[in-house]
N, C-alpha and C. Protein backbone atom coordinates (compact mmCIF):
# COMPACT_ATOMS: atom_id res chain seq x y z
N MET A 1 -72.11 -16.23 21.95
CA MET A 1 -71.53 -16.93 20.81
C MET A 1 -70.97 -15.92 19.80
N ILE A 2 -71.72 -14.83 19.56
CA ILE A 2 -71.29 -13.80 18.61
C ILE A 2 -70.01 -13.15 19.09
N HIS A 3 -69.97 -12.84 20.40
CA HIS A 3 -68.76 -12.19 20.95
C HIS A 3 -67.56 -13.13 20.86
N LEU A 4 -67.75 -14.42 21.09
CA LEU A 4 -66.65 -15.38 20.99
C LEU A 4 -66.14 -15.48 19.56
N HIS A 5 -67.06 -15.43 18.58
CA HIS A 5 -66.66 -15.49 17.17
C HIS A 5 -65.82 -14.28 16.80
N LYS A 6 -66.21 -13.08 17.27
CA LYS A 6 -65.44 -11.86 16.98
C LYS A 6 -64.05 -11.94 17.61
N LEU A 7 -64.00 -12.50 18.83
CA LEU A 7 -62.72 -12.61 19.51
C LEU A 7 -61.76 -13.52 18.74
N LEU A 8 -62.29 -14.65 18.23
CA LEU A 8 -61.46 -15.59 17.47
C LEU A 8 -60.98 -14.95 16.16
N CYS A 9 -61.86 -14.18 15.52
CA CYS A 9 -61.47 -13.49 14.29
C CYS A 9 -60.36 -12.48 14.55
N GLY A 10 -60.48 -11.76 15.66
CA GLY A 10 -59.45 -10.77 16.01
C GLY A 10 -58.11 -11.42 16.27
N LEU A 11 -58.12 -12.58 16.94
CA LEU A 11 -56.86 -13.29 17.20
C LEU A 11 -56.22 -13.77 15.91
N ASN A 12 -57.06 -14.27 14.98
CA ASN A 12 -56.54 -14.71 13.68
C ASN A 12 -55.88 -13.57 12.91
N LEU A 13 -56.56 -12.37 12.96
CA LEU A 13 -55.99 -11.21 12.27
C LEU A 13 -54.65 -10.81 12.87
N LEU A 14 -54.53 -10.86 14.21
CA LEU A 14 -53.27 -10.52 14.86
C LEU A 14 -52.18 -11.51 14.47
N ARG A 15 -52.56 -12.82 14.40
CA ARG A 15 -51.59 -13.84 14.04
C ARG A 15 -51.11 -13.64 12.61
N ILE A 16 -52.04 -13.36 11.68
CA ILE A 16 -51.68 -13.13 10.28
C ILE A 16 -50.81 -11.89 10.15
N GLY A 17 -51.21 -10.82 10.85
CA GLY A 17 -50.43 -9.58 10.80
C GLY A 17 -49.02 -9.78 11.33
N GLY A 18 -48.91 -10.56 12.40
CA GLY A 18 -47.59 -10.84 12.95
C GLY A 18 -46.73 -11.61 11.98
N ASN A 19 -47.33 -12.58 11.27
CA ASN A 19 -46.57 -13.34 10.28
C ASN A 19 -46.08 -12.45 9.14
N ILE A 20 -46.97 -11.53 8.71
CA ILE A 20 -46.61 -10.60 7.62
C ILE A 20 -45.45 -9.71 8.06
N LEU A 21 -45.57 -9.14 9.28
CA LEU A 21 -44.51 -8.26 9.77
C LEU A 21 -43.21 -9.04 9.94
N GLY A 22 -43.35 -10.26 10.44
CA GLY A 22 -42.16 -11.09 10.61
C GLY A 22 -41.50 -11.40 9.29
N SER A 23 -42.30 -11.69 8.28
CA SER A 23 -41.75 -11.97 6.95
C SER A 23 -41.07 -10.74 6.38
N TYR A 24 -41.67 -9.56 6.57
CA TYR A 24 -41.11 -8.32 6.06
C TYR A 24 -39.77 -8.02 6.75
N TYR A 25 -39.74 -8.19 8.06
CA TYR A 25 -38.50 -7.93 8.79
C TYR A 25 -37.41 -8.89 8.34
N HIS A 26 -37.78 -10.14 8.12
CA HIS A 26 -36.78 -11.13 7.70
C HIS A 26 -36.22 -10.80 6.32
N SER A 27 -37.12 -10.41 5.39
CA SER A 27 -36.66 -10.13 4.03
C SER A 27 -35.83 -8.86 3.98
N SER A 28 -36.17 -7.86 4.80
CA SER A 28 -35.43 -6.61 4.77
C SER A 28 -34.04 -6.75 5.37
N ASN A 29 -33.84 -7.80 6.14
CA ASN A 29 -32.54 -8.01 6.75
C ASN A 29 -31.84 -9.24 6.17
N SER A 30 -32.27 -9.66 5.00
CA SER A 30 -31.74 -10.88 4.43
C SER A 30 -30.31 -10.73 3.94
N TYR A 31 -29.80 -9.48 3.84
CA TYR A 31 -28.45 -9.30 3.38
C TYR A 31 -27.44 -9.62 4.48
N LYS A 32 -27.90 -9.83 5.71
CA LYS A 32 -27.01 -10.17 6.80
C LYS A 32 -27.06 -11.67 7.06
N LYS A 33 -25.91 -12.23 7.34
CA LYS A 33 -25.84 -13.62 7.75
C LYS A 33 -25.41 -13.63 9.21
N CYS A 34 -26.34 -14.02 10.07
CA CYS A 34 -26.09 -13.94 11.49
C CYS A 34 -26.09 -15.32 12.12
N SER A 35 -25.29 -15.47 13.15
CA SER A 35 -25.27 -16.70 13.92
C SER A 35 -25.19 -16.35 15.39
N CYS A 36 -25.85 -17.17 16.20
CA CYS A 36 -25.90 -16.92 17.63
C CYS A 36 -25.36 -18.11 18.40
N LYS A 37 -24.64 -17.82 19.47
CA LYS A 37 -24.15 -18.85 20.36
C LYS A 37 -24.64 -18.56 21.77
N SER A 38 -25.18 -19.57 22.41
CA SER A 38 -25.72 -19.40 23.76
C SER A 38 -24.61 -19.59 24.77
N SER A 39 -24.34 -18.53 25.54
CA SER A 39 -23.37 -18.65 26.62
C SER A 39 -24.04 -19.13 27.89
N SER A 40 -25.36 -18.94 27.96
CA SER A 40 -26.16 -19.47 29.07
C SER A 40 -27.58 -19.61 28.57
N SER A 41 -28.48 -20.09 29.43
CA SER A 41 -29.86 -20.29 29.00
C SER A 41 -30.58 -18.99 28.72
N SER A 42 -30.07 -17.88 29.28
CA SER A 42 -30.77 -16.60 29.12
C SER A 42 -29.94 -15.56 28.39
N ASN A 43 -28.74 -15.93 27.94
CA ASN A 43 -27.86 -14.95 27.31
C ASN A 43 -27.30 -15.51 26.02
N LYS A 44 -27.51 -14.82 24.90
CA LYS A 44 -27.00 -15.24 23.60
C LYS A 44 -26.08 -14.18 23.04
N LYS A 45 -24.98 -14.61 22.47
CA LYS A 45 -24.07 -13.71 21.78
C LYS A 45 -24.20 -13.94 20.29
N CYS A 46 -24.56 -12.89 19.57
CA CYS A 46 -24.80 -13.01 18.14
C CYS A 46 -23.80 -12.15 17.36
N SER A 47 -23.43 -12.63 16.18
CA SER A 47 -22.54 -11.87 15.29
C SER A 47 -23.06 -11.97 13.88
N CYS A 48 -22.91 -10.89 13.13
CA CYS A 48 -23.40 -10.85 11.75
C CYS A 48 -22.23 -10.65 10.79
N ASP A 49 -22.30 -11.34 9.68
CA ASP A 49 -21.30 -11.21 8.63
C ASP A 49 -21.83 -10.25 7.58
N HIS A 50 -21.35 -9.01 7.62
CA HIS A 50 -21.79 -7.99 6.66
C HIS A 50 -21.02 -8.15 5.35
N SER A 51 -21.54 -7.54 4.31
CA SER A 51 -20.91 -7.66 3.00
C SER A 51 -19.61 -6.88 2.92
N HIS A 52 -19.40 -5.89 3.82
CA HIS A 52 -18.18 -5.09 3.79
C HIS A 52 -17.04 -5.87 4.42
N LYS A 53 -15.87 -5.92 3.74
CA LYS A 53 -14.72 -6.63 4.24
C LYS A 53 -13.54 -5.68 4.38
N ARG A 54 -12.84 -5.76 5.51
CA ARG A 54 -11.64 -4.97 5.71
C ARG A 54 -10.48 -5.57 4.92
N SER A 55 -9.71 -4.71 4.28
CA SER A 55 -8.55 -5.21 3.54
C SER A 55 -7.42 -5.54 4.51
N CYS A 56 -6.59 -6.48 4.12
CA CYS A 56 -5.50 -6.91 4.98
C CYS A 56 -4.36 -5.88 4.91
N PRO A 57 -3.61 -5.70 6.00
CA PRO A 57 -2.46 -4.79 5.94
C PRO A 57 -1.41 -5.31 4.99
N ALA A 58 -0.71 -4.39 4.34
CA ALA A 58 0.36 -4.75 3.41
C ALA A 58 1.46 -3.71 3.53
N TYR A 59 2.70 -4.18 3.64
CA TYR A 59 3.83 -3.27 3.77
C TYR A 59 5.13 -4.03 3.50
N GLY A 60 6.19 -3.27 3.34
CA GLY A 60 7.50 -3.87 3.15
C GLY A 60 8.58 -2.82 3.22
N THR A 61 9.77 -3.23 3.63
CA THR A 61 10.92 -2.32 3.64
C THR A 61 12.13 -3.04 3.06
N PHE A 62 12.91 -2.30 2.27
CA PHE A 62 14.03 -2.88 1.52
C PHE A 62 15.19 -1.89 1.57
N TRP A 63 16.43 -2.40 1.63
CA TRP A 63 17.55 -1.48 1.65
C TRP A 63 18.81 -2.13 1.07
N GLN A 64 19.78 -1.25 0.81
CA GLN A 64 21.06 -1.65 0.21
C GLN A 64 22.18 -1.16 1.13
N THR A 65 23.11 -2.06 1.45
CA THR A 65 24.21 -1.69 2.36
C THR A 65 25.55 -1.60 1.65
N GLU A 66 25.60 -1.93 0.37
CA GLU A 66 26.87 -1.91 -0.37
C GLU A 66 27.03 -0.60 -1.15
N PHE A 67 28.25 -0.31 -1.46
CA PHE A 67 28.58 0.80 -2.36
C PHE A 67 28.12 0.43 -3.76
N ILE A 68 27.27 1.23 -4.38
CA ILE A 68 26.77 0.90 -5.72
C ILE A 68 26.87 2.10 -6.65
N THR A 69 27.03 1.80 -7.92
CA THR A 69 26.98 2.79 -8.99
C THR A 69 25.83 2.40 -9.92
N VAL A 70 24.87 3.31 -10.09
CA VAL A 70 23.69 3.02 -10.91
C VAL A 70 23.75 3.88 -12.17
N PRO A 71 24.00 3.29 -13.33
CA PRO A 71 24.04 4.07 -14.57
C PRO A 71 22.68 4.69 -14.89
N PHE A 72 22.72 5.69 -15.75
CA PHE A 72 21.49 6.35 -16.18
C PHE A 72 20.53 5.32 -16.80
N GLY A 73 19.28 5.33 -16.34
CA GLY A 73 18.25 4.44 -16.86
C GLY A 73 18.12 3.13 -16.13
N ASP A 74 19.08 2.81 -15.24
CA ASP A 74 19.04 1.52 -14.55
C ASP A 74 18.29 1.63 -13.22
N PRO A 75 17.76 0.50 -12.71
CA PRO A 75 17.08 0.49 -11.41
C PRO A 75 18.07 0.28 -10.27
N PHE A 76 17.67 0.71 -9.08
CA PHE A 76 18.48 0.53 -7.88
C PHE A 76 18.26 -0.88 -7.32
N PRO A 77 19.33 -1.58 -6.95
CA PRO A 77 19.18 -2.91 -6.37
C PRO A 77 19.13 -2.84 -4.84
N PHE A 78 18.51 -3.86 -4.25
CA PHE A 78 18.43 -4.01 -2.79
C PHE A 78 19.00 -5.36 -2.40
N ASN A 79 19.71 -5.38 -1.27
CA ASN A 79 20.29 -6.65 -0.82
C ASN A 79 19.80 -7.08 0.57
N HIS A 80 18.85 -6.30 1.14
CA HIS A 80 18.25 -6.68 2.42
C HIS A 80 16.75 -6.43 2.38
N VAL A 81 16.02 -7.29 3.08
CA VAL A 81 14.56 -7.19 3.17
C VAL A 81 14.16 -7.18 4.64
N GLY A 82 13.28 -6.24 5.00
CA GLY A 82 12.79 -6.18 6.37
C GLY A 82 11.44 -6.86 6.50
N PRO A 83 10.62 -6.43 7.47
CA PRO A 83 9.28 -7.03 7.64
C PRO A 83 8.44 -6.87 6.38
N LEU A 84 7.73 -7.95 6.01
CA LEU A 84 6.86 -7.95 4.83
C LEU A 84 5.50 -8.48 5.22
N ALA A 85 4.43 -7.96 4.58
CA ALA A 85 3.08 -8.47 4.84
C ALA A 85 2.18 -8.14 3.67
N GLY A 86 1.09 -8.90 3.52
CA GLY A 86 0.04 -8.59 2.57
C GLY A 86 0.42 -8.73 1.11
N GLY A 87 1.38 -9.60 0.80
CA GLY A 87 1.72 -9.82 -0.60
C GLY A 87 2.74 -8.87 -1.17
N VAL A 88 3.39 -8.05 -0.32
CA VAL A 88 4.51 -7.23 -0.78
C VAL A 88 5.78 -8.06 -0.69
N SER A 89 6.56 -8.09 -1.77
CA SER A 89 7.75 -8.95 -1.78
C SER A 89 8.80 -8.37 -2.72
N LEU A 90 10.03 -8.89 -2.58
CA LEU A 90 11.13 -8.53 -3.49
C LEU A 90 11.18 -9.59 -4.58
N LEU A 91 10.69 -9.23 -5.76
CA LEU A 91 10.59 -10.17 -6.86
C LEU A 91 11.98 -10.56 -7.38
N ASN A 92 12.85 -9.56 -7.48
CA ASN A 92 14.26 -9.75 -7.81
C ASN A 92 15.01 -8.59 -7.16
N PRO A 93 16.33 -8.52 -7.23
CA PRO A 93 17.05 -7.48 -6.49
C PRO A 93 16.61 -6.04 -6.77
N THR A 94 15.98 -5.78 -7.91
CA THR A 94 15.61 -4.40 -8.26
C THR A 94 14.10 -4.15 -8.30
N THR A 95 13.27 -5.16 -8.05
CA THR A 95 11.83 -5.03 -8.33
C THR A 95 11.00 -5.46 -7.14
N ILE A 96 10.08 -4.57 -6.73
CA ILE A 96 9.12 -4.85 -5.66
C ILE A 96 7.82 -5.33 -6.31
N HIS A 97 7.21 -6.36 -5.73
CA HIS A 97 5.95 -6.89 -6.26
C HIS A 97 4.83 -6.65 -5.26
N PHE A 98 3.65 -6.24 -5.79
CA PHE A 98 2.45 -6.00 -4.98
C PHE A 98 1.37 -6.98 -5.41
N ARG A 99 0.86 -7.76 -4.48
CA ARG A 99 -0.24 -8.68 -4.80
C ARG A 99 -1.59 -7.99 -4.69
N GLN A 100 -1.74 -7.04 -3.73
CA GLN A 100 -3.04 -6.41 -3.48
C GLN A 100 -3.15 -5.06 -4.18
N PHE A 101 -4.37 -4.79 -4.67
CA PHE A 101 -4.71 -3.44 -5.15
C PHE A 101 -4.84 -2.50 -3.95
N GLY A 102 -4.52 -1.22 -4.14
CA GLY A 102 -4.74 -0.24 -3.08
C GLY A 102 -3.90 1.01 -3.27
N ASP A 103 -4.10 1.97 -2.37
CA ASP A 103 -3.27 3.17 -2.32
C ASP A 103 -2.11 2.91 -1.35
N TYR A 104 -0.89 3.13 -1.82
CA TYR A 104 0.31 2.85 -1.03
C TYR A 104 1.14 4.12 -0.86
N ARG A 105 1.67 4.32 0.34
CA ARG A 105 2.68 5.35 0.54
C ARG A 105 4.03 4.75 0.16
N VAL A 106 4.73 5.42 -0.73
CA VAL A 106 6.05 4.98 -1.18
C VAL A 106 7.06 6.05 -0.77
N SER A 107 8.05 5.65 0.03
CA SER A 107 9.07 6.61 0.46
C SER A 107 10.45 5.98 0.34
N PHE A 108 11.44 6.79 0.00
CA PHE A 108 12.80 6.29 -0.16
C PHE A 108 13.81 7.34 0.25
N ILE A 109 15.01 6.87 0.59
CA ILE A 109 16.17 7.72 0.86
C ILE A 109 17.35 7.10 0.13
N SER A 110 18.07 7.92 -0.60
CA SER A 110 19.29 7.45 -1.27
C SER A 110 20.44 8.39 -0.94
N SER A 111 21.58 7.81 -0.59
CA SER A 111 22.77 8.63 -0.42
C SER A 111 23.34 8.99 -1.80
N ILE A 112 23.94 10.17 -1.88
CA ILE A 112 24.50 10.67 -3.15
C ILE A 112 25.96 11.05 -2.90
N ASN A 113 26.86 10.41 -3.63
CA ASN A 113 28.29 10.59 -3.43
C ASN A 113 28.87 11.43 -4.56
N THR A 114 29.22 12.67 -4.25
CA THR A 114 29.84 13.53 -5.27
C THR A 114 31.36 13.48 -5.20
N THR A 115 31.91 12.86 -4.16
CA THR A 115 33.37 12.72 -4.06
C THR A 115 33.89 11.75 -5.10
N LEU A 116 33.22 10.60 -5.20
CA LEU A 116 33.64 9.59 -6.18
C LEU A 116 33.00 9.81 -7.55
N ASN A 117 32.10 10.76 -7.63
CA ASN A 117 31.43 11.05 -8.91
C ASN A 117 31.37 12.56 -9.09
N PRO A 118 32.51 13.22 -9.29
CA PRO A 118 32.58 14.69 -9.31
C PRO A 118 32.09 15.29 -10.64
N VAL A 119 30.82 15.12 -10.89
CA VAL A 119 30.19 15.69 -12.08
C VAL A 119 29.41 16.92 -11.64
N PHE A 120 29.72 18.09 -12.22
CA PHE A 120 29.03 19.33 -11.83
C PHE A 120 28.62 20.11 -13.08
N PRO A 121 27.42 20.69 -13.07
CA PRO A 121 26.43 20.57 -11.98
C PRO A 121 25.99 19.12 -11.80
N HIS A 122 25.82 18.75 -10.55
CA HIS A 122 25.44 17.38 -10.17
C HIS A 122 23.94 17.37 -9.91
N ILE A 123 23.18 16.71 -10.80
CA ILE A 123 21.72 16.75 -10.71
C ILE A 123 21.17 15.32 -10.77
N PRO A 124 21.31 14.55 -9.69
CA PRO A 124 20.75 13.19 -9.69
C PRO A 124 19.23 13.23 -9.58
N VAL A 125 18.58 12.41 -10.40
CA VAL A 125 17.12 12.29 -10.39
C VAL A 125 16.77 10.82 -10.16
N ILE A 126 15.96 10.55 -9.15
CA ILE A 126 15.45 9.20 -8.90
C ILE A 126 13.95 9.21 -9.14
N THR A 127 13.49 8.26 -9.96
CA THR A 127 12.09 8.21 -10.36
C THR A 127 11.47 6.88 -9.96
N ILE A 128 10.24 6.95 -9.46
CA ILE A 128 9.46 5.75 -9.15
C ILE A 128 8.80 5.26 -10.43
N PHE A 129 9.06 4.01 -10.78
CA PHE A 129 8.44 3.39 -11.95
C PHE A 129 7.44 2.33 -11.47
N LEU A 130 6.18 2.46 -11.92
CA LEU A 130 5.14 1.49 -11.61
C LEU A 130 4.79 0.73 -12.88
N ASN A 131 4.97 -0.58 -12.85
CA ASN A 131 4.73 -1.41 -14.04
C ASN A 131 5.48 -0.89 -15.26
N ASN A 132 6.75 -0.54 -15.04
CA ASN A 132 7.69 -0.09 -16.08
C ASN A 132 7.33 1.27 -16.68
N ASN A 133 6.48 2.04 -15.99
CA ASN A 133 6.13 3.38 -16.45
C ASN A 133 6.34 4.38 -15.31
N SER A 134 6.85 5.55 -15.66
CA SER A 134 6.95 6.62 -14.66
C SER A 134 5.55 7.15 -14.35
N LEU A 135 5.39 7.72 -13.16
CA LEU A 135 4.09 8.25 -12.77
C LEU A 135 3.78 9.53 -13.53
N ALA A 136 2.48 9.76 -13.78
CA ALA A 136 2.06 10.94 -14.55
C ALA A 136 2.38 12.23 -13.80
N ASN A 137 2.60 13.29 -14.57
CA ASN A 137 2.78 14.64 -14.03
C ASN A 137 3.96 14.76 -13.08
N SER A 138 5.00 13.98 -13.32
CA SER A 138 6.23 14.01 -12.51
C SER A 138 5.99 13.71 -11.04
N GLN A 139 4.91 12.97 -10.73
CA GLN A 139 4.59 12.66 -9.34
C GLN A 139 5.69 11.86 -8.66
N GLY A 140 6.37 11.01 -9.42
CA GLY A 140 7.39 10.16 -8.82
C GLY A 140 8.82 10.57 -9.14
N ASP A 141 9.04 11.83 -9.54
CA ASP A 141 10.39 12.31 -9.89
C ASP A 141 10.94 13.17 -8.75
N PHE A 142 12.15 12.83 -8.26
CA PHE A 142 12.75 13.55 -7.15
C PHE A 142 14.22 13.80 -7.46
N ALA A 143 14.72 15.00 -7.11
CA ALA A 143 16.08 15.38 -7.48
C ALA A 143 16.66 16.36 -6.47
N ILE A 144 17.98 16.48 -6.50
CA ILE A 144 18.70 17.56 -5.84
C ILE A 144 19.72 18.09 -6.83
N GLN A 145 20.27 19.28 -6.54
CA GLN A 145 21.21 19.89 -7.48
C GLN A 145 22.37 20.50 -6.71
N MET A 146 23.61 20.13 -7.10
CA MET A 146 24.83 20.75 -6.59
C MET A 146 25.58 21.34 -7.77
N ASN A 147 25.85 22.64 -7.70
CA ASN A 147 26.40 23.32 -8.87
C ASN A 147 27.91 23.35 -8.92
N THR A 148 28.58 23.31 -7.78
CA THR A 148 30.03 23.45 -7.76
C THR A 148 30.66 22.33 -6.95
N SER A 149 31.99 22.19 -7.08
CA SER A 149 32.73 21.14 -6.38
C SER A 149 32.82 21.38 -4.89
N SER A 150 32.37 22.54 -4.42
CA SER A 150 32.34 22.77 -2.97
C SER A 150 31.32 21.85 -2.29
N ASN A 151 30.40 21.28 -3.10
CA ASN A 151 29.43 20.31 -2.57
C ASN A 151 29.97 18.89 -2.67
N ASN A 152 31.30 18.75 -2.54
CA ASN A 152 31.97 17.46 -2.68
C ASN A 152 31.83 16.67 -1.37
N GLU A 153 30.74 15.95 -1.22
CA GLU A 153 30.43 15.29 0.05
C GLU A 153 29.39 14.20 -0.18
N CYS A 154 28.92 13.59 0.93
CA CYS A 154 27.84 12.60 0.87
C CYS A 154 26.54 13.27 1.27
N LEU A 155 25.59 13.29 0.35
CA LEU A 155 24.30 13.95 0.57
C LEU A 155 23.19 12.90 0.54
N GLN A 156 21.96 13.35 0.76
CA GLN A 156 20.80 12.45 0.72
C GLN A 156 19.72 13.02 -0.19
N LEU A 157 19.15 12.14 -1.00
CA LEU A 157 18.01 12.48 -1.84
C LEU A 157 16.81 11.70 -1.30
N VAL A 158 15.74 12.43 -0.97
CA VAL A 158 14.57 11.83 -0.32
C VAL A 158 13.34 12.03 -1.20
N GLY A 159 12.49 11.01 -1.29
CA GLY A 159 11.24 11.12 -2.05
C GLY A 159 10.11 10.39 -1.35
N GLU A 160 8.90 10.93 -1.47
CA GLU A 160 7.73 10.27 -0.88
C GLU A 160 6.48 10.69 -1.64
N THR A 161 5.58 9.74 -1.89
CA THR A 161 4.31 10.03 -2.54
C THR A 161 3.32 8.92 -2.23
N ILE A 162 2.07 9.10 -2.65
CA ILE A 162 1.03 8.07 -2.52
C ILE A 162 0.64 7.63 -3.92
N VAL A 163 0.67 6.32 -4.15
CA VAL A 163 0.46 5.76 -5.47
C VAL A 163 -0.69 4.77 -5.43
N THR A 164 -1.59 4.85 -6.41
CA THR A 164 -2.63 3.83 -6.57
C THR A 164 -2.03 2.67 -7.35
N VAL A 165 -1.98 1.51 -6.71
CA VAL A 165 -1.28 0.35 -7.26
C VAL A 165 -2.29 -0.73 -7.64
N PRO A 166 -2.37 -1.13 -8.91
CA PRO A 166 -3.22 -2.26 -9.29
C PRO A 166 -2.68 -3.56 -8.70
N ALA A 167 -3.55 -4.56 -8.61
CA ALA A 167 -3.12 -5.87 -8.13
C ALA A 167 -2.05 -6.46 -9.07
N ASN A 168 -1.13 -7.20 -8.48
CA ASN A 168 -0.05 -7.85 -9.23
C ASN A 168 0.79 -6.86 -10.03
N SER A 169 1.20 -5.79 -9.34
CA SER A 169 2.02 -4.76 -9.97
C SER A 169 3.47 -4.86 -9.52
N THR A 170 4.34 -4.16 -10.24
CA THR A 170 5.75 -4.08 -9.87
C THR A 170 6.17 -2.62 -9.75
N LEU A 171 7.19 -2.40 -8.93
CA LEU A 171 7.69 -1.04 -8.70
C LEU A 171 9.21 -1.07 -8.63
N GLN A 172 9.84 -0.03 -9.21
CA GLN A 172 11.28 0.13 -9.17
C GLN A 172 11.65 1.58 -8.90
N LEU A 173 12.82 1.79 -8.32
CA LEU A 173 13.47 3.11 -8.29
C LEU A 173 14.53 3.12 -9.38
N ARG A 174 14.49 4.12 -10.26
CA ARG A 174 15.46 4.16 -11.36
C ARG A 174 16.20 5.48 -11.38
N ASN A 175 17.44 5.41 -11.85
CA ASN A 175 18.22 6.60 -12.12
C ASN A 175 17.67 7.24 -13.39
N ASN A 176 17.05 8.40 -13.23
CA ASN A 176 16.40 9.08 -14.35
C ASN A 176 17.01 10.48 -14.55
N SER A 177 18.34 10.56 -14.39
CA SER A 177 19.03 11.85 -14.43
C SER A 177 19.21 12.32 -15.87
N GLY A 178 18.13 12.76 -16.45
CA GLY A 178 18.13 13.12 -17.86
C GLY A 178 18.82 14.43 -18.19
N PHE A 179 19.12 15.27 -17.18
CA PHE A 179 19.76 16.56 -17.46
C PHE A 179 21.16 16.36 -18.03
N ASN A 180 21.91 15.40 -17.48
CA ASN A 180 23.26 15.15 -17.98
C ASN A 180 23.56 13.66 -18.13
N ARG A 181 22.51 12.82 -17.97
CA ARG A 181 22.62 11.37 -18.13
C ARG A 181 23.74 10.79 -17.27
N GLN A 182 23.89 11.33 -16.07
CA GLN A 182 24.96 10.92 -15.18
C GLN A 182 24.60 9.63 -14.43
N SER A 183 25.62 8.92 -13.98
CA SER A 183 25.42 7.82 -13.05
C SER A 183 25.15 8.38 -11.66
N ILE A 184 24.53 7.57 -10.82
CA ILE A 184 24.36 7.91 -9.41
C ILE A 184 25.23 6.95 -8.60
N VAL A 185 26.13 7.53 -7.81
CA VAL A 185 27.03 6.75 -6.96
C VAL A 185 26.61 6.98 -5.51
N THR A 186 26.49 5.91 -4.76
CA THR A 186 26.07 6.03 -3.36
C THR A 186 27.29 6.07 -2.45
N CYS A 187 27.03 6.40 -1.20
CA CYS A 187 28.10 6.44 -0.19
C CYS A 187 28.28 5.04 0.41
N ASP A 188 29.46 4.82 0.97
CA ASP A 188 29.77 3.51 1.54
C ASP A 188 30.51 3.72 2.86
N ASN A 189 29.76 4.18 3.86
CA ASN A 189 30.39 4.45 5.15
C ASN A 189 29.60 3.80 6.29
N GLY A 190 29.10 2.58 6.04
CA GLY A 190 28.40 1.85 7.09
C GLY A 190 26.94 2.23 7.25
N ILE A 191 26.38 2.98 6.29
CA ILE A 191 24.97 3.37 6.37
C ILE A 191 24.17 2.62 5.30
N ASN A 192 22.85 2.73 5.38
CA ASN A 192 22.01 2.24 4.28
C ASN A 192 22.20 3.19 3.10
N SER A 193 22.77 2.69 2.03
CA SER A 193 23.02 3.58 0.89
C SER A 193 21.72 3.94 0.18
N VAL A 194 20.74 2.98 0.17
CA VAL A 194 19.42 3.22 -0.40
C VAL A 194 18.40 2.47 0.46
N GLU A 195 17.28 3.14 0.76
CA GLU A 195 16.22 2.48 1.55
C GLU A 195 14.87 2.82 0.94
N LEU A 196 13.99 1.81 0.86
CA LEU A 196 12.64 1.98 0.29
C LEU A 196 11.62 1.33 1.21
N THR A 197 10.55 2.07 1.53
CA THR A 197 9.46 1.54 2.36
C THR A 197 8.15 1.77 1.63
N VAL A 198 7.29 0.73 1.59
CA VAL A 198 5.95 0.87 1.01
C VAL A 198 4.94 0.41 2.06
N THR A 199 3.83 1.17 2.17
CA THR A 199 2.81 0.88 3.17
C THR A 199 1.44 1.07 2.55
N LYS A 200 0.58 0.08 2.66
CA LYS A 200 -0.78 0.15 2.11
C LYS A 200 -1.65 0.99 3.02
N LEU A 201 -2.32 1.99 2.44
CA LEU A 201 -3.18 2.90 3.20
C LEU A 201 -4.65 2.54 3.09
N SER A 202 -5.05 1.91 2.00
CA SER A 202 -6.48 1.57 1.81
C SER A 202 -6.60 0.34 0.92
């Protein structure tokens, strides 16, 4: 009788200990929401919803096919839109809108026409404006320089950087040629006179 009583006590302790361990394991994993689906009587497929969420891809490409003249201080217009995703859109002909916060690669190419705009030295500057402000430390300022009329041709000005963009922001490319306040004239020979691509990195 004594041995049977000890055996029953031992079983009770094991049962209590198991409940405690089970409760501890459950509470330590309570941050996961898991669900299981039985594919057969002996095989279950389970998935957990963790608190970490992947951000959606976001990108867009915009370009201009017409001959344009952009006065000093004005933004560049676009008349074509390519693939768009993740809340990137053309708000109006000169303004890109971003719905998502994140780090974006911003790259552009603009043709520069010195034949129709023979101003020398020719120093066109294109600046990226985020929410109507230029980027700090000249991060978004790009330029080329032609000193004499021997550079009377169609050239390209290229810029690229990575910008941290708040949600619901706007972006423009502007003529920021402050050295001589010149206009920027693009080429018109069947090419994209101006092209802008934005891609979300994080």
